[in-house]
PDB file of N, CA and C in Angstrom:
ATOM      1  N   MET A   1       0.801  -1.202   0.000  1.00  0.00           N
ATOM      2  CA  MET A   1       0.000   0.000   0.000  1.00  0.00           C
ATOM      3  C   MET A   1       0.846   1.269   0.000  1.00  0.00           C
ATOM      4  N   TRP A   2       1.853   1.296   0.863  1.00  0.00           N
ATOM      5  CA  TRP A   2       2.632   2.525   0.972  1.00  0.00           C
ATOM      6  C   TRP A   2       3.423   2.802  -0.306  1.00  0.00           C
ATOM      7  N   GLY A   3       3.893   1.769  -0.953  1.00  0.00           N
ATOM      8  CA  GLY A   3       4.696   1.965  -2.152  1.00  0.00           C
ATOM      9  C   GLY A   3       3.921   2.625  -3.278  1.00  0.00           C
ATOM     10  N   ARG A   4       2.683   2.196  -3.477  1.00  0.00           N
ATOM     11  CA  ARG A   4       1.879   2.748  -4.565  1.00  0.00           C
ATOM     12  C   ARG A   4       1.639   4.242  -4.348  1.00  0.00           C
ATOM     13  N   LYS A   5       1.295   4.616  -3.138  1.00  0.00           N
ATOM     14  CA  LYS A   5       1.016   6.016  -2.834  1.00  0.00           C
ATOM     15  C   LYS A   5       2.256   6.880  -3.088  1.00  0.00           C
ATOM     16  N   SER A   6       3.403   6.393  -2.652  1.00  0.00           N
ATOM     17  CA  SER A   6       4.620   7.195  -2.800  1.00  0.00           C
ATOM     18  C   SER A   6       5.013   7.328  -4.273  1.00  0.00           C
ATOM     19  N   LYS A   7       4.730   6.304  -5.081  1.00  0.00           N
ATOM     20  CA  LYS A   7       5.058   6.392  -6.510  1.00  0.00           C
ATOM     21  C   LYS A   7       4.197   7.433  -7.204  1.00  0.00           C
ATOM     22  N   ILE A   8       2.933   7.493  -6.827  1.00  0.00           N
ATOM     23  CA  ILE A   8       2.041   8.501  -7.416  1.00  0.00           C
ATOM     24  C   ILE A   8       2.501   9.897  -7.016  1.00  0.00           C
ATOM     25  N   LYS A   9       2.903  10.032  -5.765  1.00  0.00           N
ATOM     26  CA  LYS A   9       3.367  11.330  -5.280  1.00  0.00           C
ATOM     27  C   LYS A   9       4.630  11.765  -6.031  1.00  0.00           C
ATOM     28  N   VAL A  10       5.557  10.838  -6.214  1.00  0.00           N
ATOM     29  CA  VAL A  10       6.800  11.139  -6.932  1.00  0.00           C
ATOM     30  C   VAL A  10       6.495  11.516  -8.384  1.00  0.00           C
ATOM     31  N   ALA A  11       5.567  10.788  -9.002  1.00  0.00           N
ATOM     32  CA  ALA A  11       5.203  11.083 -10.390  1.00  0.00           C
ATOM     33  C   ALA A  11       4.558  12.461 -10.498  1.00  0.00           C
ATOM     34  N   ARG A  12       3.716  12.809  -9.524  1.00  0.00           N
ATOM     35  CA  ARG A  12       3.056  14.115  -9.533  1.00  0.00           C
ATOM     36  C   ARG A  12       4.084  15.237  -9.399  1.00  0.00           C
ATOM     37  N   ILE A  13       5.023  15.068  -8.496  1.00  0.00           N
ATOM     38  CA  ILE A  13       6.072  16.073  -8.295  1.00  0.00           C
ATOM     39  C   ILE A  13       6.929  16.200  -9.555  1.00  0.00           C
ATOM     40  N   ALA A  14       7.260  15.065 -10.173  1.00  0.00           N
ATOM     41  CA  ALA A  14       8.064  15.092 -11.398  1.00  0.00           C
ATOM     42  C   ALA A  14       7.318  15.806 -12.515  1.00  0.00           C
ATOM     43  N   SER A  15       6.011  15.602 -12.585  1.00  0.00           N
ATOM     44  CA  SER A  15       5.200  16.253 -13.615  1.00  0.00           C
ATOM     45  C   SER A  15       5.172  17.767 -13.414  1.00  0.00           C
ATOM     46  N   ILE A  16       5.033  18.200 -12.183  1.00  0.00           N
ATOM     47  CA  ILE A  16       5.037  19.639 -11.880  1.00  0.00           C
ATOM     48  C   ILE A  16       6.394  20.242 -12.223  1.00  0.00           C
ATOM     49  N   LYS A  17       7.453  19.539 -11.844  1.00  0.00           N
ATOM     50  CA  LYS A  17       8.811  20.010 -12.125  1.00  0.00           C
ATOM     51  C   LYS A  17       9.038  20.110 -13.635  1.00  0.00           C
ATOM     52  N   ALA A  18       8.531  19.135 -14.382  1.00  0.00           N
ATOM     53  CA  ALA A  18       8.671  19.157 -15.842  1.00  0.00           C
ATOM     54  C   ALA A  18       7.968  20.373 -16.423  1.00  0.00           C
ATOM     55  N   GLY A  19       6.808  20.710 -15.869  1.00  0.00           N
ATOM     56  CA  GLY A  19       6.086  21.897 -16.331  1.00  0.00           C
ATOM     57  C   GLY A  19       6.865  23.170 -16.062  1.00  0.00           C
ATOM     58  N   VAL A  20       7.520  23.229 -14.915  1.00  0.00           N
ATOM     59  CA  VAL A  20       8.342  24.398 -14.570  1.00  0.00           C
ATOM     60  C   VAL A  20       9.503  24.533 -15.555  1.00  0.00           C
ATOM     61  N   TYR A  21      10.171  23.409 -15.839  1.00  0.00           N
ATOM     62  CA  TYR A  21      11.280  23.432 -16.789  1.00  0.00           C
ATOM     63  C   TYR A  21      10.805  23.833 -18.181  1.00  0.00           C
ATOM     64  N   ALA A  22       9.658  23.315 -18.597  1.00  0.00           N
ATOM     65  CA  ALA A  22       9.131  23.632 -19.925  1.00  0.00           C
ATOM     66  C   ALA A  22       8.833  25.121 -20.034  1.00  0.00           C
ATOM     67  N   TYR A  23       8.219  25.692 -19.004  1.00  0.00           N
ATOM     68  CA  TYR A  23       7.898  27.118 -18.985  1.00  0.00           C
ATOM     69  C   TYR A  23       9.173  27.951 -19.079  1.00  0.00           C
ATOM     70  N   ARG A  24      10.161  27.581 -18.264  1.00  0.00           N
ATOM     71  CA  ARG A  24      11.430  28.314 -18.254  1.00  0.00           C
ATOM     72  C   ARG A  24      12.136  28.219 -19.603  1.00  0.00           C
ATOM     73  N   ASP A  25      12.174  27.021 -20.157  1.00  0.00           N
ATOM     74  CA  ASP A  25      12.945  26.808 -21.377  1.00  0.00           C
ATOM     75  C   ASP A  25      12.273  27.374 -22.621  1.00  0.00           C
ATOM     76  N   ARG A  26      10.955  27.548 -22.582  1.00  0.00           N
ATOM     77  CA  ARG A  26      10.305  28.226 -23.710  1.00  0.00           C
ATOM     78  C   ARG A  26      10.792  29.661 -23.812  1.00  0.00           C
ATOM     79  N   ARG A  27      11.037  30.281 -22.689  1.00  0.00           N
ATOM     80  CA  ARG A  27      11.568  31.649 -22.696  1.00  0.00           C
ATOM     81  C   ARG A  27      13.056  31.662 -23.025  1.00  0.00           C
ATOM     82  N   ALA A  28      13.791  30.709 -22.491  1.00  0.00           N
ATOM     83  CA  ALA A  28      15.232  30.625 -22.764  1.00  0.00           C
ATOM     84  C   ALA A  28      15.483  30.363 -24.242  1.00  0.00           C
ATOM     85  N   ASN A  29      14.607  29.597 -24.868  1.00  0.00           N
ATOM     86  CA  ASN A  29      14.738  29.286 -26.290  1.00  0.00           C
ATOM     87  C   ASN A  29      14.706  30.561 -27.134  1.00  0.00           C
ATOM     88  N   LYS A  30      13.844  31.492 -26.776  1.00  0.00           N
ATOM     89  CA  LYS A  30      13.753  32.762 -27.499  1.00  0.00           C
ATOM     90  C   LYS A  30      15.065  33.544 -27.375  1.00  0.00           C
ATOM     91  N   ARG A  31      15.618  33.564 -26.162  1.00  0.00           N
ATOM     92  CA  ARG A  31      16.897  34.255 -25.947  1.00  0.00           C
ATOM     93  C   ARG A  31      18.018  33.596 -26.739  1.00  0.00           C
ATOM     94  N   ASN A  32      18.047  32.272 -26.723  1.00  0.00           N
ATOM     95  CA  ASN A  32      19.117  31.548 -27.409  1.00  0.00           C
ATOM     96  C   ASN A  32      19.082  31.779 -28.909  1.00  0.00           C
ATOM     97  N   PHE A  33      17.893  31.773 -29.495  1.00  0.00           N
ATOM     98  CA  PHE A  33      17.801  31.998 -30.930  1.00  0.00           C
ATOM     99  C   PHE A  33      18.184  33.422 -31.295  1.00  0.00           C
ATOM    100  N   ARG A  34      17.770  34.402 -30.491  1.00  0.00           N
ATOM    101  CA  ARG A  34      18.149  35.789 -30.773  1.00  0.00           C
ATOM    102  C   ARG A  34      19.670  35.931 -30.737  1.00  0.00           C
ATOM    103  N   ARG A  35      20.305  35.293 -29.765  1.00  0.00           N
ATOM    104  CA  ARG A  35      21.764  35.329 -29.660  1.00  0.00           C
ATOM    105  C   ARG A  35      22.418  34.673 -30.882  1.00  0.00           C
ATOM    106  N   LEU A  36      21.864  33.549 -31.325  1.00  0.00           N
ATOM    107  CA  LEU A  36      22.380  32.864 -32.512  1.00  0.00           C
ATOM    108  C   LEU A  36      22.277  33.762 -33.742  1.00  0.00           C
ATOM    109  N   TRP A  37      21.121  34.424 -33.901  1.00  0.00           N
ATOM    110  CA  TRP A  37      20.941  35.310 -35.053  1.00  0.00           C
ATOM    111  C   TRP A  37      21.942  36.451 -35.013  1.00  0.00           C
ATOM    112  N   GLN A  38      22.188  37.000 -33.824  1.00  0.00           N
ATOM    113  CA  GLN A  38      23.143  38.102 -33.699  1.00  0.00           C
ATOM    114  C   GLN A  38      24.548  37.655 -34.079  1.00  0.00           C
ATOM    115  N   VAL A  39      24.936  36.470 -33.654  1.00  0.00           N
ATOM    116  CA  VAL A  39      26.273  35.954 -33.974  1.00  0.00           C
ATOM    117  C   VAL A  39      26.418  35.751 -35.481  1.00  0.00           C
ATOM    118  N   ARG A  40      25.393  35.184 -36.114  1.00  0.00           N
ATOM    119  CA  ARG A  40      25.445  34.959 -37.561  1.00  0.00           C
ATOM    120  C   ARG A  40      25.530  36.276 -38.329  1.00  0.00           C
ATOM    121  N   ILE A  41      24.713  37.252 -37.925  1.00  0.00           N
ATOM    122  CA  ILE A  41      24.728  38.548 -38.612  1.00  0.00           C
ATOM    123  C   ILE A  41      26.073  39.225 -38.405  1.00  0.00           C
ATOM    124  N   ASN A  42      26.594  39.185 -37.188  1.00  0.00           N
ATOM    125  CA  ASN A  42      27.879  39.805 -36.889  1.00  0.00           C
ATOM    126  C   ASN A  42      28.986  39.205 -37.746  1.00  0.00           C
ATOM    127  N   ALA A  43      29.002  37.879 -37.855  1.00  0.00           N
ATOM    128  CA  ALA A  43      30.029  37.220 -38.669  1.00  0.00           C
ATOM    129  C   ALA A  43      29.915  37.642 -40.128  1.00  0.00           C
ATOM    130  N   ALA A  44      28.686  37.794 -40.612  1.00  0.00           N
ATOM    131  CA  ALA A  44      28.487  38.152 -42.017  1.00  0.00           C
ATOM    132  C   ALA A  44      28.859  39.607 -42.296  1.00  0.00           C
ATOM    133  N   VAL A  45      28.504  40.526 -41.398  1.00  0.00           N
ATOM    134  CA  VAL A  45      28.793  41.942 -41.672  1.00  0.00           C
ATOM    135  C   VAL A  45      30.256  42.280 -41.439  1.00  0.00           C
ATOM    136  N   ARG A  46      30.972  41.471 -40.665  1.00  0.00           N
ATOM    137  CA  ARG A  46      32.410  41.708 -40.480  1.00  0.00           C
ATOM    138  C   ARG A  46      33.153  41.606 -41.810  1.00  0.00           C
ATOM    139  N   GLU A  47      32.641  40.781 -42.720  1.00  0.00           N
ATOM    140  CA  GLU A  47      33.262  40.660 -44.040  1.00  0.00           C
ATOM    141  C   GLU A  47      33.161  41.960 -44.834  1.00  0.00           C
ATOM    142  N   PHE A  48      32.196  42.803 -44.470  1.00  0.00           N
ATOM    143  CA  PHE A  48      32.011  44.080 -45.150  1.00  0.00           C
ATOM    144  C   PHE A  48      32.603  45.238 -44.354  1.00  0.00           C
ATOM    145  N   GLY A  49      33.344  44.928 -43.302  1.00  0.00           N
ATOM    146  CA  GLY A  49      34.013  45.954 -42.512  1.00  0.00           C
ATOM    147  C   GLY A  49      33.103  46.678 -41.537  1.00  0.00           C
ATOM    148  N   LEU A  50      32.006  46.061 -41.156  1.00  0.00           N
ATOM    149  CA  LEU A  50      31.080  46.666 -40.200  1.00  0.00           C
ATOM    150  C   LEU A  50      31.005  45.807 -38.944  1.00  0.00           C
ATOM    151  N   SER A  51      30.632  46.436 -37.848  1.00  0.00           N
ATOM    152  CA  SER A  51      30.320  45.658 -36.652  1.00  0.00           C
ATOM    153  C   SER A  51      28.810  45.446 -36.609  1.00  0.00           C
ATOM    154  N   TYR A  52      28.390  44.523 -35.793  1.00  0.00           N
ATOM    155  CA  TYR A  52      26.963  44.211 -35.682  1.00  0.00           C
ATOM    156  C   TYR A  52      26.171  45.442 -35.252  1.00  0.00           C
ATOM    157  N   SER A  53      26.653  46.132 -34.230  1.00  0.00           N
ATOM    158  CA  SER A  53      25.900  47.268 -33.688  1.00  0.00           C
ATOM    159  C   SER A  53      25.788  48.405 -34.698  1.00  0.00           C
ATOM    160  N   ARG A  54      26.862  48.672 -35.433  1.00  0.00           N
ATOM    161  CA  ARG A  54      26.798  49.738 -36.450  1.00  0.00           C
ATOM    162  C   ARG A  54      25.874  49.348 -37.600  1.00  0.00           C
ATOM    163  N   PHE A  55      25.898  48.074 -37.950  1.00  0.00           N
ATOM    164  CA  PHE A  55      25.014  47.594 -39.015  1.00  0.00           C
ATOM    165  C   PHE A  55      23.547  47.746 -38.611  1.00  0.00           C
ATOM    166  N   ILE A  56      23.215  47.346 -37.396  1.00  0.00           N
ATOM    167  CA  ILE A  56      21.830  47.454 -36.922  1.00  0.00           C
ATOM    168  C   ILE A  56      21.420  48.921 -36.837  1.00  0.00           C
ATOM    169  N   ASP A  57      22.338  49.781 -36.400  1.00  0.00           N
ATOM    170  CA  ASP A  57      22.052  51.217 -36.333  1.00  0.00           C
ATOM    171  C   ASP A  57      21.754  51.771 -37.725  1.00  0.00           C
ATOM    172  N   LYS A  58      22.594  51.434 -38.697  1.00  0.00           N
ATOM    173  CA  LYS A  58      22.374  51.904 -40.069  1.00  0.00           C
ATOM    174  C   LYS A  58      21.100  51.311 -40.657  1.00  0.00           C
ATOM    175  N   LEU A  59      20.799  50.090 -40.284  1.00  0.00           N
ATOM    176  CA  LEU A  59      19.581  49.423 -40.755  1.00  0.00           C
ATOM    177  C   LEU A  59      18.349  50.194 -40.284  1.00  0.00           C
ATOM    178  N   LYS A  60      18.345  50.592 -39.025  1.00  0.00           N
ATOM    179  CA  LYS A  60      17.213  51.347 -38.473  1.00  0.00           C
ATOM    180  C   LYS A  60      17.108  52.723 -39.127  1.00  0.00           C
ATOM    181  N   LYS A  61      18.256  53.387 -39.311  1.00  0.00           N
ATOM    182  CA  LYS A  61      18.242  54.734 -39.890  1.00  0.00           C
ATOM    183  C   LYS A  61      17.822  54.740 -41.352  1.00  0.00           C
ATOM    184  N   SER A  62      18.090  53.653 -42.065  1.00  0.00           N
ATOM    185  CA  SER A  62      17.712  53.595 -43.479  1.00  0.00           C
ATOM    186  C   SER A  62      16.316  52.993 -43.669  1.00  0.00           C
ATOM    187  N   ASN A  63      15.594  52.798 -42.562  1.00  0.00           N
ATOM    188  CA  ASN A  63      14.209  52.303 -42.584  1.00  0.00           C
ATOM    189  C   ASN A  63      14.046  50.960 -43.288  1.00  0.00           C
ATOM    190  N   VAL A  64      15.037  50.105 -43.169  1.00  0.00           N
ATOM    191  CA  VAL A  64      14.913  48.740 -43.678  1.00  0.00           C
ATOM    192  C   VAL A  64      14.320  47.910 -42.545  1.00  0.00           C
ATOM    193  N   GLU A  65      13.138  47.362 -42.769  1.00  0.00           N
ATOM    194  CA  GLU A  65      12.435  46.653 -41.700  1.00  0.00           C
ATOM    195  C   GLU A  65      12.523  45.147 -41.891  1.00  0.00           C
ATOM    196  N   ILE A  66      13.738  44.620 -41.803  1.00  0.00           N
ATOM    197  CA  ILE A  66      13.953  43.177 -41.851  1.00  0.00           C
ATOM    198  C   ILE A  66      14.420  42.765 -40.463  1.00  0.00           C
ATOM    199  N   ASP A  67      13.771  41.769 -39.892  1.00  0.00           N
ATOM    200  CA  ASP A  67      14.134  41.371 -38.537  1.00  0.00           C
ATOM    201  C   ASP A  67      15.395  40.504 -38.524  1.00  0.00           C
ATOM    202  N   ARG A  68      15.904  40.265 -37.336  1.00  0.00           N
ATOM    203  CA  ARG A  68      17.168  39.545 -37.180  1.00  0.00           C
ATOM    204  C   ARG A  68      17.082  38.109 -37.683  1.00  0.00           C
ATOM    205  N   LYS A  69      15.932  37.494 -37.517  1.00  0.00           N
ATOM    206  CA  LYS A  69      15.769  36.111 -37.973  1.00  0.00           C
ATOM    207  C   LYS A  69      15.962  36.024 -39.482  1.00  0.00           C
ATOM    208  N   VAL A  70      15.316  36.916 -40.220  1.00  0.00           N
ATOM    209  CA  VAL A  70      15.417  36.902 -41.682  1.00  0.00           C
ATOM    210  C   VAL A  70      16.825  37.298 -42.115  1.00  0.00           C
ATOM    211  N   LEU A  71      17.407  38.301 -41.467  1.00  0.00           N
ATOM    212  CA  LEU A  71      18.777  38.704 -41.803  1.00  0.00           C
ATOM    213  C   LEU A  71      19.746  37.545 -41.599  1.00  0.00           C
ATOM    214  N   SER A  72      19.562  36.812 -40.523  1.00  0.00           N
ATOM    215  CA  SER A  72      20.418  35.666 -40.239  1.00  0.00           C
ATOM    216  C   SER A  72      20.289  34.600 -41.321  1.00  0.00           C
ATOM    217  N   GLU A  73      19.054  34.318 -41.733  1.00  0.00           N
ATOM    218  CA  GLU A  73      18.842  33.323 -42.784  1.00  0.00           C
ATOM    219  C   GLU A  73      19.429  33.787 -44.109  1.00  0.00           C
ATOM    220  N   LEU A  74      19.297  35.082 -44.407  1.00  0.00           N
ATOM    221  CA  LEU A  74      19.892  35.617 -45.637  1.00  0.00           C
ATOM    222  C   LEU A  74      21.408  35.469 -45.605  1.00  0.00           C
ATOM    223  N   ALA A  75      22.006  35.814 -44.469  1.00  0.00           N
ATOM    224  CA  ALA A  75      23.460  35.734 -44.346  1.00  0.00           C
ATOM    225  C   ALA A  75      23.949  34.299 -44.490  1.00  0.00           C
ATOM    226  N   LYS A  76      23.182  33.357 -43.958  1.00  0.00           N
ATOM    227  CA  LYS A  76      23.594  31.954 -43.975  1.00  0.00           C
ATOM    228  C   LYS A  76      23.326  31.290 -45.323  1.00  0.00           C
ATOM    229  N   ASP A  77      22.125  31.492 -45.861  1.00  0.00           N
ATOM    230  CA  ASP A  77      21.700  30.745 -47.045  1.00  0.00           C
ATOM    231  C   ASP A  77      21.831  31.508 -48.360  1.00  0.00           C
ATOM    232  N   TYR A  78      21.724  32.837 -48.303  1.00  0.00           N
ATOM    233  CA  TYR A  78      21.750  33.658 -49.522  1.00  0.00           C
ATOM    234  C   TYR A  78      22.717  34.832 -49.351  1.00  0.00           C
ATOM    235  N   PRO A  79      24.022  34.567 -49.360  1.00  0.00           N
ATOM    236  CA  PRO A  79      24.997  35.636 -49.106  1.00  0.00           C
ATOM    237  C   PRO A  79      24.947  36.768 -50.129  1.00  0.00           C
ATOM    238  N   ALA A  80      24.582  36.475 -51.370  1.00  0.00           N
ATOM    239  CA  ALA A  80      24.512  37.529 -52.390  1.00  0.00           C
ATOM    240  C   ALA A  80      23.392  38.515 -52.063  1.00  0.00           C
ATOM    241  N   VAL A  81      22.267  38.008 -51.620  1.00  0.00           N
ATOM    242  CA  VAL A  81      21.146  38.877 -51.246  1.00  0.00           C
ATOM    243  C   VAL A  81      21.514  39.680 -50.003  1.00  0.00           C
ATOM    244  N   PHE A  82      22.176  39.030 -49.055  1.00  0.00           N
ATOM    245  CA  PHE A  82      22.604  39.733 -47.846  1.00  0.00           C
ATOM    246  C   PHE A  82      23.585  40.849 -48.197  1.00  0.00           C
ATOM    247  N   ALA A  83      24.465  40.602 -49.156  1.00  0.00           N
ATOM    248  CA  ALA A  83      25.415  41.632 -49.593  1.00  0.00           C
ATOM    249  C   ALA A  83      24.676  42.839 -50.149  1.00  0.00           C
ATOM    250  N   LYS A  84      23.587  42.606 -50.874  1.00  0.00           N
ATOM    251  CA  LYS A  84      22.799  43.728 -51.406  1.00  0.00           C
ATOM    252  C   LYS A  84      22.129  44.508 -50.284  1.00  0.00           C
ATOM    253  N   VAL A  85      21.694  43.815 -49.243  1.00  0.00           N
ATOM    254  CA  VAL A  85      21.101  44.504 -48.091  1.00  0.00           C
ATOM    255  C   VAL A  85      22.151  45.384 -47.426  1.00  0.00           C
ATOM    256  N   VAL A  86      23.348  44.850 -47.238  1.00  0.00           N
ATOM    257  CA  VAL A  86      24.432  45.628 -46.622  1.00  0.00           C
ATOM    258  C   VAL A  86      24.783  46.821 -47.503  1.00  0.00           C
ATOM    259  N   GLU A  87      24.815  46.614 -48.802  1.00  0.00           N
ATOM    260  CA  GLU A  87      25.109  47.700 -49.742  1.00  0.00           C
ATOM    261  C   GLU A  87      24.042  48.790 -49.651  1.00  0.00           C
ATOM    262  N   GLU A  88      22.786  48.396 -49.557  1.00  0.00           N
ATOM    263  CA  GLU A  88      21.678  49.355 -49.441  1.00  0.00           C
ATOM    264  C   GLU A  88      21.783  50.152 -48.142  1.00  0.00           C
ATOM    265  N   VAL A  89      22.166  49.484 -47.078  1.00  0.00           N
ATOM    266  CA  VAL A  89      22.285  50.144 -45.780  1.00  0.00           C
ATOM    267  C   VAL A  89      23.456  51.121 -45.772  1.00  0.00           C
ATOM    268  N   ASN A  90      24.527  50.811 -46.486  1.00  0.00           N
ATOM    269  CA  ASN A  90      25.724  51.657 -46.491  1.00  0.00           C
ATOM    270  C   ASN A  90      25.598  52.895 -47.369  1.00  0.00           C
ATOM    271  N   LYS A  91      24.532  53.013 -48.140  1.00  0.00           N
ATOM    272  CA  LYS A  91      24.367  54.195 -49.008  1.00  0.00           C
ATOM    273  C   LYS A  91      24.233  55.464 -48.221  1.00  0.00           C
TER     274      LYS A  91
END
């Protein structure tokens, strides 16, 4: 009798703990991806002699509304298109 009760209690506690971890990690996942996108963009714009922060500043001032996720994908998968974006920002 005692064993069954304690197993249910342990399972319930584990389930609650799993929910806490899931909640925390859903938020951490957003931070991790943003950091990844920043690293990719920084690596790509360094080839053009810019730093990440200056590139983002020029991007905002030139009213180019492409988010970091798309910029990261362009830099990784379509470097020629990304080069045109950098060229447009540097005008």
